[in-house]
N, C-alpha and C. Protein backbone atom coordinates (compact mmCIF):
# COMPACT_ATOMS: atom_id res chain seq x y z
N UNK A 1 0.96 -1.02 0.13
CA UNK A 1 -0.36 -0.44 -0.02
C UNK A 1 0.87 1.11 -0.11
N UNK A 2 0.51 2.11 -0.75
CA UNK A 2 1.45 3.44 -0.34
C UNK A 2 0.91 4.46 0.67
N UNK A 3 1.83 4.35 1.76
CA UNK A 3 1.90 5.38 2.42
C UNK A 3 1.69 6.94 2.65
N UNK A 4 0.87 7.28 3.50
CA UNK A 4 0.82 8.93 3.59
C UNK A 4 1.15 9.49 4.49
N UNK A 5 2.22 9.30 4.61
CA UNK A 5 2.20 9.43 6.45
C UNK A 5 3.86 8.44 6.38
N UNK A 6 5.13 9.39 6.75
CA UNK A 6 6.39 8.96 6.96
C UNK A 6 6.44 7.64 7.71
N UNK A 7 5.29 7.98 8.79
CA UNK A 7 5.13 6.88 10.46
C UNK A 7 4.39 4.79 9.72
N UNK A 8 4.93 4.40 10.28
CA UNK A 8 3.99 3.05 10.11
C UNK A 8 2.88 3.26 10.17
N UNK A 9 2.11 2.79 9.54
CA UNK A 9 0.69 2.49 10.12
C UNK A 9 0.15 2.37 11.39
N UNK A 10 0.45 0.86 11.70
CA UNK A 10 0.34 0.17 13.00
C UNK A 10 1.63 -0.21 13.64
N UNK A 11 1.67 0.31 15.10
CA UNK A 11 2.34 -0.13 15.77
C UNK A 11 2.31 -0.67 17.14
N UNK A 12 2.03 -2.10 17.01
CA UNK A 12 1.10 -3.21 18.18
C UNK A 12 1.71 -2.85 19.56
N UNK A 13 3.14 -2.62 19.45
CA UNK A 13 3.86 -2.27 20.49
C UNK A 13 3.21 -1.20 21.57
N UNK A 14 2.93 -0.16 20.95
CA UNK A 14 2.51 0.93 21.58
C UNK A 14 1.08 0.53 22.87
N UNK A 15 -0.01 -0.07 21.74
CA UNK A 15 -1.14 -0.23 22.87
C UNK A 15 -0.69 -1.44 23.76
N UNK A 16 0.11 -2.30 23.09
CA UNK A 16 0.25 -3.12 24.60
C UNK A 16 1.12 -2.86 25.39
N UNK A 17 2.26 -1.90 25.76
CA UNK A 17 2.94 -1.49 26.41
C UNK A 17 1.71 -0.27 27.22
N UNK A 18 1.23 -0.01 26.65
CA UNK A 18 -0.42 0.31 28.16
C UNK A 18 -1.21 -0.09 28.45
N UNK A 19 -1.33 -1.34 27.75
CA UNK A 19 -2.96 -2.41 28.24
C UNK A 19 -2.31 -3.93 28.22
N UNK A 20 -1.01 -3.92 28.00
CA UNK A 20 -0.80 -5.75 27.92
C UNK A 20 -1.11 -6.40 26.88
N UNK A 21 -0.85 -7.40 26.63
CA UNK A 21 -0.69 -8.45 25.36
C UNK A 21 -2.33 -8.86 25.49
N UNK A 22 -3.20 -8.45 25.74
CA UNK A 22 -4.77 -8.75 25.68
C UNK A 22 -5.36 -8.90 24.34
N UNK A 23 -4.85 -9.68 23.03
CA UNK A 23 -6.23 -9.63 21.89
C UNK A 23 -7.24 -9.20 21.92
N UNK A 24 -8.60 -9.54 23.07
CA UNK A 24 -9.56 -9.31 23.19
C UNK A 24 -9.90 -7.64 24.02
N UNK A 25 -9.26 -7.44 24.75
CA UNK A 25 -9.21 -5.73 25.00
C UNK A 25 -8.36 -4.84 24.00
N UNK A 26 -7.36 -5.28 23.33
CA UNK A 26 -6.97 -4.71 22.12
C UNK A 26 -8.06 -4.37 21.21
N UNK A 27 -8.35 -5.38 20.99
CA UNK A 27 -9.50 -5.47 19.90
C UNK A 27 -10.89 -4.43 20.53
N UNK A 28 -10.79 -4.49 21.19
CA UNK A 28 -12.36 -3.64 21.99
C UNK A 28 -11.85 -2.28 21.58
N UNK A 29 -10.25 -1.96 22.08
CA UNK A 29 -10.18 -0.41 21.96
C UNK A 29 -10.02 -0.01 20.38
N UNK A 30 -9.96 -0.81 19.69
CA UNK A 30 -9.40 -0.77 18.30
C UNK A 30 -11.16 -0.30 17.93
N UNK A 31 -12.17 -1.05 18.18
CA UNK A 31 -12.93 -0.95 17.64
C UNK A 31 -13.37 0.46 18.22
N UNK A 32 -13.46 0.50 19.42
CA UNK A 32 -13.54 2.33 20.09
C UNK A 32 -13.34 3.19 19.33
N UNK A 33 -11.91 2.87 18.95
CA UNK A 33 -11.77 3.85 18.19
C UNK A 33 -11.95 4.06 16.66
N UNK A 34 -12.39 2.93 16.21
CA UNK A 34 -12.73 3.20 14.71
C UNK A 34 -14.29 3.95 14.97
N UNK A 35 -15.24 3.37 15.97
CA UNK A 35 -16.53 4.01 16.01
C UNK A 35 -16.06 5.79 16.60
N UNK A 36 -15.44 6.15 17.01
CA UNK A 36 -14.87 7.05 17.67
C UNK A 36 -14.39 8.42 16.04
N UNK A 37 -13.89 7.49 15.07
CA UNK A 37 -13.32 8.47 13.86
C UNK A 37 -14.38 8.36 13.12
N UNK A 38 -15.29 7.68 12.92
CA UNK A 38 -16.34 7.72 12.05
C UNK A 38 -16.70 9.08 12.19
N UNK A 39 -17.38 9.46 13.87
CA UNK A 39 -18.23 10.20 13.75
C UNK A 39 -17.11 11.74 14.17
N UNK A 40 -15.93 11.51 14.15
CA UNK A 40 -15.13 12.63 14.54
C UNK A 40 -14.90 12.70 12.74
N UNK A 41 -14.68 12.03 11.57
CA UNK A 41 -14.61 12.40 10.46
C UNK A 41 -16.16 13.53 9.80
N UNK A 42 -17.04 12.93 10.39
CA UNK A 42 -18.07 13.34 10.09
C UNK A 42 -18.11 15.09 10.46
N UNK A 43 -17.61 14.82 12.01
CA UNK A 43 -17.85 16.79 12.58
C UNK A 43 -16.53 17.66 11.49
N UNK A 44 -15.51 16.61 11.13
CA UNK A 44 -14.41 17.43 10.79
C UNK A 44 -15.31 18.05 9.07
N UNK A 45 -15.54 17.40 8.83
CA UNK A 45 -16.37 18.13 7.07
C UNK A 45 -17.49 18.80 7.80
N UNK A 46 -18.12 18.97 8.84
CA UNK A 46 -18.92 19.93 9.07
C UNK A 46 -17.84 21.15 9.07
N UNK A 47 -17.08 20.58 10.19
CA UNK A 47 -16.49 22.11 10.79
C UNK A 47 -15.90 22.79 9.50
N UNK A 48 -15.18 22.18 8.30
CA UNK A 48 -14.49 22.52 6.99
C UNK A 48 -15.43 23.62 6.52
N UNK A 49 -16.45 22.57 6.48
CA UNK A 49 -17.44 23.24 5.52
C UNK A 49 -17.94 24.60 6.05
N UNK A 50 -17.80 24.90 7.35
CA UNK A 50 -18.44 26.27 7.69
C UNK A 50 -17.33 26.97 8.43
N UNK A 51 -16.15 26.49 8.04
CA UNK A 51 -14.73 27.22 8.15
C UNK A 51 -14.42 27.48 9.68
N UNK A 52 -15.35 26.41 10.18
CA UNK A 52 -14.57 27.02 11.64
C UNK A 52 -13.39 25.91 12.53
N UNK A 53 -11.88 26.26 12.05
CA UNK A 53 -10.86 26.00 12.15
C UNK A 53 -10.77 25.72 13.68
N UNK A 54 -11.16 26.26 14.81
CA UNK A 54 -10.72 25.94 16.04
C UNK A 54 -11.43 24.66 16.19
N UNK A 55 -12.88 24.63 16.04
CA UNK A 55 -13.31 23.15 16.20
C UNK A 55 -12.85 22.24 15.29
N UNK A 56 -12.54 22.07 14.25
CA UNK A 56 -11.96 20.90 13.39
C UNK A 56 -10.27 20.97 13.88
N UNK A 57 -9.38 21.79 14.71
CA UNK A 57 -8.62 22.00 15.65
C UNK A 57 -9.01 21.12 16.74
N UNK A 58 -9.90 21.07 17.08
CA UNK A 58 -10.09 20.60 18.56
C UNK A 58 -10.28 19.11 18.47
N UNK A 59 -11.07 18.83 17.32
CA UNK A 59 -11.56 17.59 16.75
C UNK A 59 -10.36 16.59 16.69
N UNK A 60 -9.45 17.29 16.08
CA UNK A 60 -7.96 16.53 15.22
C UNK A 60 -7.29 16.08 16.77
N UNK A 61 -7.08 17.17 17.39
CA UNK A 61 -6.09 16.99 19.20
C UNK A 61 -6.84 15.96 19.39
N UNK A 62 -8.21 15.41 19.54
CA UNK A 62 -9.19 14.77 20.42
C UNK A 62 -8.54 13.01 19.84
N UNK A 63 -8.93 13.27 18.60
CA UNK A 63 -8.77 11.76 17.76
C UNK A 63 -7.08 11.85 17.73
N UNK A 64 -6.36 12.37 17.42
CA UNK A 64 -5.13 12.29 17.59
C UNK A 64 -4.35 11.63 18.76
N UNK A 65 -5.04 11.87 19.97
CA UNK A 65 -4.75 11.31 21.09
C UNK A 65 -5.17 9.83 21.69
N UNK A 66 -6.78 9.77 20.67
CA UNK A 66 -6.69 8.12 20.91
C UNK A 66 -6.03 7.07 19.66
N UNK A 67 -5.82 7.87 18.74
CA UNK A 67 -4.52 7.08 17.69
C UNK A 67 -3.60 6.75 18.07
N UNK A 68 -2.84 7.72 18.32
CA UNK A 68 -1.31 7.85 19.23
C UNK A 68 -2.09 6.27 20.13
N UNK A 69 -2.46 6.35 21.00
CA UNK A 69 -3.35 5.31 22.44
C UNK A 69 -2.94 3.85 21.57
N UNK A 70 -3.63 3.94 20.77
CA UNK A 70 -3.91 2.20 19.96
C UNK A 70 -2.88 2.12 18.92
N UNK A 71 -1.44 3.02 18.72
CA UNK A 71 -0.52 2.63 17.78
C UNK A 71 -1.05 2.80 16.57
N UNK A 72 -2.22 4.00 15.89
CA UNK A 72 -2.20 4.46 14.89
C UNK A 72 -1.27 5.57 14.24
N UNK A 73 -0.02 5.06 14.02
CA UNK A 73 1.00 6.57 14.13
C UNK A 73 0.90 7.25 13.17
N UNK A 74 0.44 6.48 12.07
CA UNK A 74 0.47 7.55 10.40
C UNK A 74 -0.46 8.02 10.55
N UNK A 75 -1.97 7.37 11.41
CA UNK A 75 -3.12 8.83 11.51
C UNK A 75 -2.36 9.90 12.24
N UNK A 76 -1.94 9.14 13.07
CA UNK A 76 -1.51 10.34 14.47
C UNK A 76 -1.07 11.71 13.80
N UNK A 77 -0.23 10.99 13.28
CA UNK A 77 0.96 12.09 12.30
C UNK A 77 -0.38 13.22 11.26
N UNK A 78 -1.01 12.59 10.53
CA UNK A 78 -1.78 13.12 9.76
C UNK A 78 -2.93 13.91 11.24
N UNK A 79 -3.49 13.68 11.47
CA UNK A 79 -3.99 14.55 12.67
C UNK A 79 -3.24 15.85 12.92
N UNK A 80 -2.06 15.55 13.20
CA UNK A 80 -1.39 16.50 13.69
C UNK A 80 -0.91 17.74 13.06
N UNK A 81 -0.58 16.98 12.00
CA UNK A 81 -0.39 17.96 10.96
C UNK A 81 -1.59 18.81 10.49
N UNK A 82 -3.07 17.98 10.20
CA UNK A 82 -4.45 18.91 10.42
C UNK A 82 -4.44 20.04 11.92
N UNK A 83 -4.47 19.73 12.66
CA UNK A 83 -4.06 20.63 13.70
C UNK A 83 -3.27 21.97 13.28
N UNK A 84 -2.12 21.35 12.97
CA UNK A 84 -1.30 22.96 12.66
C UNK A 84 -2.01 23.79 11.24
N UNK A 85 -2.73 22.97 10.59
CA UNK A 85 -2.95 23.48 9.55
C UNK A 85 -4.35 24.15 9.66
N UNK A 86 -4.95 23.98 10.51
CA UNK A 86 -6.12 25.10 11.27
C UNK A 86 -5.21 25.60 12.15
N UNK A 87 -4.33 25.88 12.69
CA UNK A 87 -3.71 27.14 13.22
C UNK A 87 -3.03 27.63 12.41
N UNK A 88 -2.64 27.67 11.52
CA UNK A 88 -2.44 28.36 10.08
C UNK A 88 -3.66 28.64 9.49
N UNK A 89 -4.86 28.25 9.61
CA UNK A 89 -5.96 28.65 8.73
C UNK A 89 -5.85 28.35 7.06
N UNK A 90 -4.90 27.40 6.93
CA UNK A 90 -4.98 26.91 5.58
C UNK A 90 -5.97 25.74 5.11
N UNK A 91 -7.02 26.35 4.90
CA UNK A 91 -8.24 25.34 4.57
C UNK A 91 -7.76 24.72 3.29
N UNK A 92 -6.51 24.79 2.15
CA UNK A 92 -6.63 23.90 1.32
C UNK A 92 -5.85 22.86 2.10
N UNK A 93 -5.04 22.87 2.83
CA UNK A 93 -4.11 21.73 3.28
C UNK A 93 -5.29 20.93 4.20
N UNK A 94 -5.93 21.75 4.38
CA UNK A 94 -7.16 21.13 5.53
C UNK A 94 -7.91 20.30 4.61
N UNK A 95 -8.26 20.46 3.63
CA UNK A 95 -9.07 19.37 2.80
C UNK A 95 -7.99 18.40 2.71
N UNK A 96 -7.17 18.92 2.05
CA UNK A 96 -6.39 17.79 1.41
C UNK A 96 -5.61 16.76 2.87
N UNK A 97 -5.71 17.28 4.03
CA UNK A 97 -5.32 16.23 4.94
C UNK A 97 -6.48 15.50 5.63
N UNK A 98 -7.88 16.02 5.02
CA UNK A 98 -8.86 15.15 5.54
C UNK A 98 -8.70 14.10 4.58
N UNK A 99 -9.08 14.23 3.61
CA UNK A 99 -8.86 12.83 2.39
C UNK A 99 -7.76 12.04 3.15
N UNK A 100 -6.48 12.58 3.67
CA UNK A 100 -5.55 11.94 3.89
C UNK A 100 -5.96 10.82 4.96
N UNK A 101 -6.73 11.62 6.21
CA UNK A 101 -6.94 10.83 7.34
C UNK A 101 -8.09 9.97 6.88
N UNK A 102 -8.83 10.10 6.04
CA UNK A 102 -9.93 9.00 5.37
C UNK A 102 -9.15 7.52 4.76
N UNK A 103 -8.00 7.62 4.05
CA UNK A 103 -7.37 6.75 3.42
C UNK A 103 -6.62 6.12 4.35
N UNK A 104 -6.01 7.12 5.34
CA UNK A 104 -5.22 6.15 6.46
C UNK A 104 -6.09 5.25 7.42
N UNK A 105 -6.90 6.10 7.93
CA UNK A 105 -7.78 4.83 8.28
C UNK A 105 -8.13 3.96 7.50
N UNK A 106 -8.65 3.69 6.29
CA UNK A 106 -9.16 2.68 5.35
C UNK A 106 -7.84 1.99 5.35
N UNK A 107 -6.60 2.33 5.45
CA UNK A 107 -5.53 1.75 5.15
C UNK A 107 -5.01 0.84 6.64
N UNK A 108 -5.35 1.35 7.65
CA UNK A 108 -5.21 0.96 9.40
C UNK A 108 -6.48 -0.39 9.59
N UNK A 109 -7.39 0.00 8.95
CA UNK A 109 -8.39 -1.29 8.73
C UNK A 109 -7.94 -2.35 8.19
N UNK A 110 -7.58 -2.08 7.36
CA UNK A 110 -6.69 -3.19 6.08
C UNK A 110 -5.82 -3.73 7.13
N UNK A 111 -4.34 -3.12 7.61
CA UNK A 111 -3.67 -3.82 8.59
C UNK A 111 -4.29 -4.49 9.73
N UNK A 112 -4.60 -3.99 10.53
CA UNK A 112 -5.53 -4.51 11.21
C UNK A 112 -6.33 -6.08 11.25
N UNK A 113 -7.01 -6.07 10.08
CA UNK A 113 -8.10 -7.03 9.97
C UNK A 113 -6.53 -7.84 9.11
N UNK A 114 -5.86 -7.81 8.52
CA UNK A 114 -4.90 -8.66 8.31
C UNK A 114 -3.96 -9.19 9.29
N UNK A 115 -4.13 -8.53 10.20
CA UNK A 115 -3.14 -8.89 11.52
C UNK A 115 -3.63 -10.16 12.41
N UNK A 116 -5.08 -9.58 12.19
CA UNK A 116 -6.14 -10.71 13.30
C UNK A 116 -6.72 -11.72 12.54
N UNK A 117 -5.76 -12.22 11.36
CA UNK A 117 -6.02 -13.49 10.54
C UNK A 117 -5.19 -14.77 10.99
């Protein structure tokens, strides 16, 4: 797959260092993250359309924290870049990063589904 961040898509060591190597618990946190990400993406699009960079930045920060916790490093990197684009009020970069974040989440899902097999 063509990565859109220089960081790994997923690093299992991150989450295992936080909660241990319990596959059931790890899967629970991953599922919660994807549910949160789905809701966040809807909010991101709404905030982008209404040109609310402050709300978009806050949402990106919140999701970035969760992404880091589960080991979704590439996604967290993109969310951090989105925060910066919001601070700089760079709407074109915000739009590009929103697309990249969606792709990163799909890539993460693919990596995790292959890992669980």
